[in-house]
Amino acid sequence: MNTSEKVAVVTGASQGIGAELVKAFRQRGYRVVATARSITPVDDENVVTVAGDIADPATARRVIAEGVARFGRIDTLVNNAGVFVAKPFTSYTSDDYALVKGVNLDGFFHITQLAIAEMEKRSSGHIVTITTSLTDHAISGVPSVLASLTKGGLNAATKSIAIEYAKAGIRANAVSPGIIKSPMHAVETHAALGALHPMGHMGEMDDIVQAVLYLDAAPFVTGEILHVDGGQSAGH
């Protein structure tokens, strides 16, 4: 087994930002373990796809086990999988809560534990988590309590992991996006959504990809919440 090439794990990898991250890591010579509910095999021996619900601990175990079995190591984990349910706070149902908590928190918890355990064996590694700029500033008309509850927790957990594992050679950072052009948002909504940013337009998926790649290549950066949000977190 050739274990000299770095290996990245990307969750939520079947479309949108996740799929773009898989392409970007491959272009940089990484081998990739890509997971999502609906992901299908690809014609690339250096990409392993694992279909499953990231909220299920069994999925996390399969993802990390497949990566180690095929490639021998785990260097980077990108916690990209996430769900957003926009409802008034009192309209959220127990099912809404379970869905958002399951993907955003449980999914992060189980796979990050397993990834760090592998990284500790090499005294190096990097966790990048995609959160949201809404945790820093609520927007009137965009109800987001569950996003703030879960993604805000991930921002805090990122800093905690960064400090806990700093001397172990493992870094942890987060990318905090504004609203990004992706399959989540219909084209007819782009103008209105763009107006919510001080820069007057939405971000592109490549903005997030480049932020992740920067953090992954920045060995002295850890505990950082990198805002890629068109100025939203700075003010209005």
C-alpha atoms as a PDB file:
ATOM      1  CA  MET A   1       0.000   0.000   0.000  1.00  0.00           C
ATOM      2  CA  ASN A   2       1.322   3.440  -0.941  1.00  0.00           C
ATOM      3  CA  THR A   3       0.754   5.631   2.109  1.00  0.00           C
ATOM      4  CA  SER A   4       2.900   8.598   1.101  1.00  0.00           C
ATOM      5  CA  GLU A   5       0.102  10.714  -0.395  1.00  0.00           C
ATOM      6  CA  LYS A   6      -2.142  12.730   1.877  1.00  0.00           C
ATOM      7  CA  VAL A   7      -5.763  11.715   2.352  1.00  0.00           C
ATOM      8  CA  ALA A   8      -8.758  14.015   2.790  1.00  0.00           C
ATOM      9  CA  VAL A   9     -12.201  12.988   4.002  1.00  0.00           C
ATOM     10  CA  VAL A  10     -15.096  15.155   2.779  1.00  0.00           C
ATOM     11  CA  THR A  11     -18.633  14.823   4.120  1.00  0.00           C
ATOM     12  CA  GLY A  12     -21.667  16.023   2.190  1.00  0.00           C
ATOM     13  CA  ALA A  13     -19.635  15.275  -0.922  1.00  0.00           C
ATOM     14  CA  SER A  14     -22.269  14.330  -3.490  1.00  0.00           C
ATOM     15  CA  GLN A  15     -23.022  17.850  -4.748  1.00  0.00           C
ATOM     16  CA  GLY A  16     -22.386  21.534  -4.274  1.00  0.00           C
ATOM     17  CA  ILE A  17     -19.438  22.650  -2.173  1.00  0.00           C
ATOM     18  CA  GLY A  18     -18.642  19.090  -1.117  1.00  0.00           C
ATOM     19  CA  ALA A  19     -18.301  17.854  -4.687  1.00  0.00           C
ATOM     20  CA  GLU A  20     -16.136  20.864  -5.544  1.00  0.00           C
ATOM     21  CA  LEU A  21     -13.908  20.127  -2.557  1.00  0.00           C
ATOM     22  CA  VAL A  22     -13.380  16.560  -3.750  1.00  0.00           C
ATOM     23  CA  LYS A  23     -12.251  17.868  -7.158  1.00  0.00           C
ATOM     24  CA  ALA A  24      -9.968  20.469  -5.595  1.00  0.00           C
ATOM     25  CA  PHE A  25      -8.235  18.008  -3.281  1.00  0.00           C
ATOM     26  CA  ARG A  26      -7.691  15.570  -6.139  1.00  0.00           C
ATOM     27  CA  GLN A  27      -6.175  18.363  -8.239  1.00  0.00           C
ATOM     28  CA  ARG A  28      -3.684  18.877  -5.431  1.00  0.00           C
ATOM     29  CA  GLY A  29      -2.715  15.230  -5.320  1.00  0.00           C
ATOM     30  CA  TYR A  30      -4.740  14.165  -2.311  1.00  0.00           C
ATOM     31  CA  ARG A  31      -6.559  10.893  -2.253  1.00  0.00           C
ATOM     32  CA  VAL A  32     -10.125  11.390  -1.070  1.00  0.00           C
ATOM     33  CA  VAL A  33     -12.794   9.581   0.910  1.00  0.00           C
ATOM     34  CA  ALA A  34     -16.118  11.139  -0.090  1.00  0.00           C
ATOM     35  CA  THR A  35     -19.350  10.482   1.768  1.00  0.00           C
ATOM     36  CA  ALA A  36     -22.999  11.512   1.467  1.00  0.00           C
ATOM     37  CA  ARG A  37     -26.377   9.830   1.598  1.00  0.00           C
ATOM     38  CA  SER A  38     -26.732   9.546  -2.164  1.00  0.00           C
ATOM     39  CA  ILE A  39     -23.125   9.415  -3.331  1.00  0.00           C
ATOM     40  CA  THR A  40     -22.235   6.888  -6.022  1.00  0.00           C
ATOM     41  CA  PRO A  41     -18.891   5.322  -7.035  1.00  0.00           C
ATOM     42  CA  VAL A  42     -16.629   7.333  -9.346  1.00  0.00           C
ATOM     43  CA  ASP A  43     -14.105   6.271 -11.968  1.00  0.00           C
ATOM     44  CA  ASP A  44     -11.034   7.252  -9.964  1.00  0.00           C
ATOM     45  CA  GLU A  45      -9.029   4.721  -7.982  1.00  0.00           C
ATOM     46  CA  ASN A  46      -7.904   7.519  -5.685  1.00  0.00           C
ATOM     47  CA  VAL A  47     -11.434   8.402  -4.588  1.00  0.00           C
ATOM     48  CA  VAL A  48     -13.411   6.118  -2.273  1.00  0.00           C
ATOM     49  CA  THR A  49     -17.123   6.861  -1.961  1.00  0.00           C
ATOM     50  CA  VAL A  50     -19.119   5.777   1.081  1.00  0.00           C
ATOM     51  CA  ALA A  51     -22.893   6.197   0.954  1.00  0.00           C
ATOM     52  CA  GLY A  52     -24.659   6.758   4.269  1.00  0.00           C
ATOM     53  CA  ASP A  53     -26.306   9.139   6.695  1.00  0.00           C
ATOM     54  CA  ILE A  54     -23.562  11.088   8.469  1.00  0.00           C
ATOM     55  CA  ALA A  55     -25.810  11.345  11.544  1.00  0.00           C
ATOM     56  CA  ASP A  56     -25.457   7.568  11.974  1.00  0.00           C
ATOM     57  CA  PRO A  57     -22.306   6.593  13.911  1.00  0.00           C
ATOM     58  CA  ALA A  58     -22.012   3.496  11.717  1.00  0.00           C
ATOM     59  CA  THR A  59     -21.477   5.736   8.680  1.00  0.00           C
ATOM     60  CA  ALA A  60     -18.619   7.532  10.412  1.00  0.00           C
ATOM     61  CA  ARG A  61     -17.008   4.214  11.292  1.00  0.00           C
ATOM     62  CA  ARG A  62     -17.274   2.982   7.693  1.00  0.00           C
ATOM     63  CA  VAL A  63     -15.871   6.206   6.253  1.00  0.00           C
ATOM     64  CA  ILE A  64     -12.752   6.242   8.411  1.00  0.00           C
ATOM     65  CA  ALA A  65     -12.253   2.478   8.166  1.00  0.00           C
ATOM     66  CA  GLU A  66     -12.482   2.609   4.348  1.00  0.00           C
ATOM     67  CA  GLY A  67     -10.005   5.468   4.207  1.00  0.00           C
ATOM     68  CA  VAL A  68      -7.474   3.681   6.382  1.00  0.00           C
ATOM     69  CA  ALA A  69      -7.953   0.344   4.617  1.00  0.00           C
ATOM     70  CA  ARG A  70      -7.547   1.821   1.139  1.00  0.00           C
ATOM     71  CA  PHE A  71      -5.050   4.610   1.729  1.00  0.00           C
ATOM     72  CA  GLY A  72      -3.451   3.928   5.112  1.00  0.00           C
ATOM     73  CA  ARG A  73      -3.943   7.341   6.689  1.00  0.00           C
ATOM     74  CA  ILE A  74      -6.250  10.295   7.339  1.00  0.00           C
ATOM     75  CA  ASP A  75      -4.731  13.778   7.071  1.00  0.00           C
ATOM     76  CA  THR A  76      -7.636  16.175   6.623  1.00  0.00           C
ATOM     77  CA  LEU A  77     -11.311  15.974   7.531  1.00  0.00           C
ATOM     78  CA  VAL A  78     -13.718  18.516   6.058  1.00  0.00           C
ATOM     79  CA  ASN A  79     -17.010  18.515   7.950  1.00  0.00           C
ATOM     80  CA  ASN A  80     -19.042  19.943   5.100  1.00  0.00           C
ATOM     81  CA  ALA A  81     -22.356  18.092   5.561  1.00  0.00           C
ATOM     82  CA  GLY A  82     -25.061  20.297   7.006  1.00  0.00           C
ATOM     83  CA  VAL A  83     -28.752  21.089   6.880  1.00  0.00           C
ATOM     84  CA  PHE A  84     -30.601  24.375   7.304  1.00  0.00           C
ATOM     85  CA  VAL A  85     -34.273  24.607   8.226  1.00  0.00           C
ATOM     86  CA  ALA A  86     -35.655  28.148   8.182  1.00  0.00           C
ATOM     87  CA  LYS A  87     -38.754  28.380  10.381  1.00  0.00           C
ATOM     88  CA  PRO A  88     -39.954  30.641  13.176  1.00  0.00           C
ATOM     89  CA  PHE A  89     -38.566  29.228  16.408  1.00  0.00           C
ATOM     90  CA  THR A  90     -41.954  28.168  17.762  1.00  0.00           C
ATOM     91  CA  SER A  91     -42.773  26.362  14.496  1.00  0.00           C
ATOM     92  CA  TYR A  92     -39.874  23.930  14.691  1.00  0.00           C
ATOM     93  CA  THR A  93     -40.993  20.361  15.243  1.00  0.00           C
ATOM     94  CA  SER A  94     -39.216  17.593  17.096  1.00  0.00           C
ATOM     95  CA  ASP A  95     -38.442  16.080  13.682  1.00  0.00           C
ATOM     96  CA  ASP A  96     -36.841  19.361  12.540  1.00  0.00           C
ATOM     97  CA  TYR A  97     -34.728  19.439  15.670  1.00  0.00           C
ATOM     98  CA  ALA A  98     -33.684  15.804  15.311  1.00  0.00           C
ATOM     99  CA  LEU A  99     -32.716  16.309  11.650  1.00  0.00           C
ATOM    100  CA  VAL A 100     -30.595  19.423  12.218  1.00  0.00           C
ATOM    101  CA  LYS A 101     -28.987  18.098  15.382  1.00  0.00           C
ATOM    102  CA  GLY A 102     -28.309  14.730  13.747  1.00  0.00           C
ATOM    103  CA  VAL A 103     -26.513  16.051  10.685  1.00  0.00           C
ATOM    104  CA  ASN A 104     -24.900  19.192  12.070  1.00  0.00           C
ATOM    105  CA  LEU A 105     -23.848  17.988  15.529  1.00  0.00           C
ATOM    106  CA  ASP A 106     -23.950  14.190  15.691  1.00  0.00           C
ATOM    107  CA  GLY A 107     -22.369  13.921  12.241  1.00  0.00           C
ATOM    108  CA  PHE A 108     -19.525  16.206  13.309  1.00  0.00           C
ATOM    109  CA  PHE A 109     -19.025  14.469  16.643  1.00  0.00           C
ATOM    110  CA  HIS A 110     -18.709  10.866  15.532  1.00  0.00           C
ATOM    111  CA  ILE A 111     -16.509  11.282  12.459  1.00  0.00           C
ATOM    112  CA  THR A 112     -14.278  13.914  14.057  1.00  0.00           C
ATOM    113  CA  GLN A 113     -13.553  11.641  17.014  1.00  0.00           C
ATOM    114  CA  LEU A 114     -12.515   8.818  14.705  1.00  0.00           C
ATOM    115  CA  ALA A 115     -10.484  11.058  12.400  1.00  0.00           C
ATOM    116  CA  ILE A 116      -8.530  12.574  15.284  1.00  0.00           C
ATOM    117  CA  ALA A 117      -7.768   9.111  16.646  1.00  0.00           C
ATOM    118  CA  GLU A 118      -6.111   8.285  13.311  1.00  0.00           C
ATOM    119  CA  MET A 119      -4.329  11.646  13.119  1.00  0.00           C
ATOM    120  CA  GLU A 120      -2.840  11.115  16.572  1.00  0.00           C
ATOM    121  CA  LYS A 121      -0.969   8.074  15.211  1.00  0.00           C
ATOM    122  CA  ARG A 122       1.020  10.421  12.910  1.00  0.00           C
ATOM    123  CA  SER A 123       1.057  13.448  15.217  1.00  0.00           C
ATOM    124  CA  SER A 124      -0.435  15.543  12.436  1.00  0.00           C
ATOM    125  CA  GLY A 125      -3.785  16.344  10.896  1.00  0.00           C
ATOM    126  CA  HIS A 126      -6.349  19.012  10.213  1.00  0.00           C
ATOM    127  CA  ILE A 127     -10.081  19.362  10.873  1.00  0.00           C
ATOM    128  CA  VAL A 128     -12.012  21.955   8.856  1.00  0.00           C
ATOM    129  CA  THR A 129     -15.684  22.524   9.618  1.00  0.00           C
ATOM    130  CA  ILE A 130     -18.115  24.521   7.504  1.00  0.00           C
ATOM    131  CA  THR A 131     -20.369  26.617   9.731  1.00  0.00           C
ATOM    132  CA  THR A 132     -22.335  29.787   8.906  1.00  0.00           C
ATOM    133  CA  SER A 133     -21.984  33.522   9.317  1.00  0.00           C
ATOM    134  CA  LEU A 134     -25.506  33.562  10.786  1.00  0.00           C
ATOM    135  CA  THR A 135     -23.983  32.504  14.099  1.00  0.00           C
ATOM    136  CA  ASP A 136     -22.394  35.975  14.320  1.00  0.00           C
ATOM    137  CA  HIS A 137     -25.327  38.037  13.132  1.00  0.00           C
ATOM    138  CA  ALA A 138     -29.009  37.174  12.923  1.00  0.00           C
ATOM    139  CA  ILE A 139     -30.889  38.475   9.872  1.00  0.00           C
ATOM    140  CA  SER A 140     -34.449  39.719  10.227  1.00  0.00           C
ATOM    141  CA  GLY A 141     -36.626  37.595   7.961  1.00  0.00           C
ATOM    142  CA  VAL A 142     -34.199  34.647   7.954  1.00  0.00           C
ATOM    143  CA  PRO A 143     -35.196  32.587  11.015  1.00  0.00           C
ATOM    144  CA  SER A 144     -32.173  30.520  11.975  1.00  0.00           C
ATOM    145  CA  VAL A 145     -32.257  29.434  15.610  1.00  0.00           C
ATOM    146  CA  LEU A 146     -31.390  25.810  14.861  1.00  0.00           C
ATOM    147  CA  ALA A 147     -28.531  26.889  12.600  1.00  0.00           C
ATOM    148  CA  SER A 148     -27.204  29.172  15.328  1.00  0.00           C
ATOM    149  CA  LEU A 149     -27.633  26.498  17.983  1.00  0.00           C
ATOM    150  CA  THR A 150     -25.738  23.835  16.038  1.00  0.00           C
ATOM    151  CA  LYS A 151     -23.264  25.730  13.888  1.00  0.00           C
ATOM    152  CA  GLY A 152     -22.481  28.129  16.720  1.00  0.00           C
ATOM    153  CA  GLY A 153     -21.635  25.088  18.801  1.00  0.00           C
ATOM    154  CA  LEU A 154     -19.324  23.863  16.042  1.00  0.00           C
ATOM    155  CA  ASN A 155     -17.464  27.184  16.026  1.00  0.00           C
ATOM    156  CA  ALA A 156     -16.904  26.844  19.770  1.00  0.00           C
ATOM    157  CA  ALA A 157     -15.929  23.174  19.435  1.00  0.00           C
ATOM    158  CA  THR A 158     -13.421  24.082  16.710  1.00  0.00           C
ATOM    159  CA  LYS A 159     -11.542  26.367  19.085  1.00  0.00           C
ATOM    160  CA  SER A 160     -11.692  23.811  21.867  1.00  0.00           C
ATOM    161  CA  ILE A 161     -10.295  21.042  19.644  1.00  0.00           C
ATOM    162  CA  ALA A 162      -7.597  23.394  18.352  1.00  0.00           C
ATOM    163  CA  ILE A 163      -6.328  24.039  21.867  1.00  0.00           C
ATOM    164  CA  GLU A 164      -6.717  20.476  23.131  1.00  0.00           C
ATOM    165  CA  TYR A 165      -4.721  19.000  20.249  1.00  0.00           C
ATOM    166  CA  ALA A 166      -2.294  21.823  19.415  1.00  0.00           C
ATOM    167  CA  LYS A 167       0.699  20.089  20.984  1.00  0.00           C
ATOM    168  CA  ALA A 168      -0.335  16.820  19.297  1.00  0.00           C
ATOM    169  CA  GLY A 169       0.240  18.384  15.878  1.00  0.00           C
ATOM    170  CA  ILE A 170      -3.460  18.457  14.974  1.00  0.00           C
ATOM    171  CA  ARG A 171      -5.103  21.692  13.859  1.00  0.00           C
ATOM    172  CA  ALA A 172      -8.783  22.662  13.788  1.00  0.00           C
ATOM    173  CA  ASN A 173     -10.352  25.540  11.885  1.00  0.00           C
ATOM    174  CA  ALA A 174     -13.736  26.538  10.515  1.00  0.00           C
ATOM    175  CA  VAL A 175     -14.984  28.355   7.434  1.00  0.00           C
ATOM    176  CA  SER A 176     -18.010  30.539   8.128  1.00  0.00           C
ATOM    177  CA  PRO A 177     -19.794  31.313   4.844  1.00  0.00           C
ATOM    178  CA  GLY A 178     -22.404  33.829   3.907  1.00  0.00           C
ATOM    179  CA  ILE A 179     -24.992  32.713   1.360  1.00  0.00           C
ATOM    180  CA  ILE A 180     -23.287  30.822  -1.440  1.00  0.00           C
ATOM    181  CA  LYS A 181     -24.497  30.091  -4.974  1.00  0.00           C
ATOM    182  CA  SER A 182     -25.106  26.359  -4.908  1.00  0.00           C
ATOM    183  CA  PRO A 183     -27.832  23.852  -5.775  1.00  0.00           C
ATOM    184  CA  MET A 184     -29.502  24.850  -2.489  1.00  0.00           C
ATOM    185  CA  HIS A 185     -30.612  28.208  -3.906  1.00  0.00           C
ATOM    186  CA  ALA A 186     -32.724  28.673  -7.027  1.00  0.00           C
ATOM    187  CA  VAL A 187     -31.361  31.207  -9.506  1.00  0.00           C
ATOM    188  CA  GLU A 188     -34.424  33.421  -9.130  1.00  0.00           C
ATOM    189  CA  THR A 189     -33.534  33.958  -5.452  1.00  0.00           C
ATOM    190  CA  HIS A 190     -29.967  35.103  -6.071  1.00  0.00           C
ATOM    191  CA  ALA A 191     -30.674  38.825  -6.336  1.00  0.00           C
ATOM    192  CA  ALA A 192     -32.591  38.962  -3.070  1.00  0.00           C
ATOM    193  CA  LEU A 193     -30.085  36.774  -1.258  1.00  0.00           C
ATOM    194  CA  GLY A 194     -27.169  38.751  -2.640  1.00  0.00           C
ATOM    195  CA  ALA A 195     -28.654  41.955  -1.231  1.00  0.00           C
ATOM    196  CA  LEU A 196     -28.262  40.540   2.283  1.00  0.00           C
ATOM    197  CA  HIS A 197     -24.474  40.963   1.985  1.00  0.00           C
ATOM    198  CA  PRO A 198     -22.642  44.300   2.316  1.00  0.00           C
ATOM    199  CA  MET A 199     -20.800  43.474  -0.929  1.00  0.00           C
ATOM    200  CA  GLY A 200     -24.175  43.178  -2.661  1.00  0.00           C
ATOM    201  CA  HIS A 201     -23.859  39.677  -4.070  1.00  0.00           C
ATOM    202  CA  MET A 202     -23.719  36.023  -3.056  1.00  0.00           C
ATOM    203  CA  GLY A 203     -20.502  34.087  -2.793  1.00  0.00           C
ATOM    204  CA  GLU A 204     -19.359  31.372  -5.165  1.00  0.00           C
ATOM    205  CA  MET A 205     -18.660  27.777  -4.202  1.00  0.00           C
ATOM    206  CA  ASP A 206     -15.027  28.310  -5.159  1.00  0.00           C
ATOM    207  CA  ASP A 207     -14.751  31.013  -2.482  1.00  0.00           C
ATOM    208  CA  ILE A 208     -15.380  28.339   0.138  1.00  0.00           C
ATOM    209  CA  VAL A 209     -13.149  25.787  -1.565  1.00  0.00           C
ATOM    210  CA  GLN A 210     -10.252  28.243  -1.666  1.00  0.00           C
ATOM    211  CA  ALA A 211     -10.766  29.105   2.006  1.00  0.00           C
ATOM    212  CA  VAL A 212     -10.584  25.422   2.956  1.00  0.00           C
ATOM    213  CA  LEU A 213      -7.474  24.925   0.831  1.00  0.00           C
ATOM    214  CA  TYR A 214      -5.819  27.969   2.382  1.00  0.00           C
ATOM    215  CA  LEU A 215      -6.454  26.696   5.907  1.00  0.00           C
ATOM    216  CA  ASP A 216      -5.234  23.232   4.977  1.00  0.00           C
ATOM    217  CA  ALA A 217      -1.956  24.701   3.706  1.00  0.00           C
ATOM    218  CA  ALA A 218      -1.439  27.093   6.644  1.00  0.00           C
ATOM    219  CA  PRO A 219       0.500  25.152   9.313  1.00  0.00           C
ATOM    220  CA  PHE A 220       0.558  28.028  11.838  1.00  0.00           C
ATOM    221  CA  VAL A 221      -3.209  28.647  11.716  1.00  0.00           C
ATOM    222  CA  THR A 222      -5.438  26.847  14.192  1.00  0.00           C
ATOM    223  CA  GLY A 223      -8.566  27.795  16.111  1.00  0.00           C
ATOM    224  CA  GLU A 224      -9.521  30.201  13.315  1.00  0.00           C
ATOM    225  CA  ILE A 225     -13.115  30.926  12.244  1.00  0.00           C
ATOM    226  CA  LEU A 226     -12.545  32.247   8.722  1.00  0.00           C
ATOM    227  CA  HIS A 227     -15.491  34.344   7.546  1.00  0.00           C
ATOM    228  CA  VAL A 228     -16.200  34.141   3.829  1.00  0.00           C
ATOM    229  CA  ASP A 229     -19.402  36.121   3.884  1.00  0.00           C
ATOM    230  CA  GLY A 230     -19.188  39.285   1.821  1.00  0.00           C
ATOM    231  CA  GLY A 231     -18.769  41.370   4.981  1.00  0.00           C
ATOM    232  CA  GLN A 232     -21.870  40.131   6.801  1.00  0.00           C
ATOM    233  CA  SER A 233     -20.114  39.381  10.082  1.00  0.00           C
ATOM    234  CA  ALA A 234     -18.407  42.783  10.073  1.00  0.00           C
ATOM    235  CA  GLY A 235     -21.622  44.807  10.006  1.00  0.00           C
ATOM    236  CA  HIS A 236     -24.391  46.284   7.909  1.00  0.00           C
END
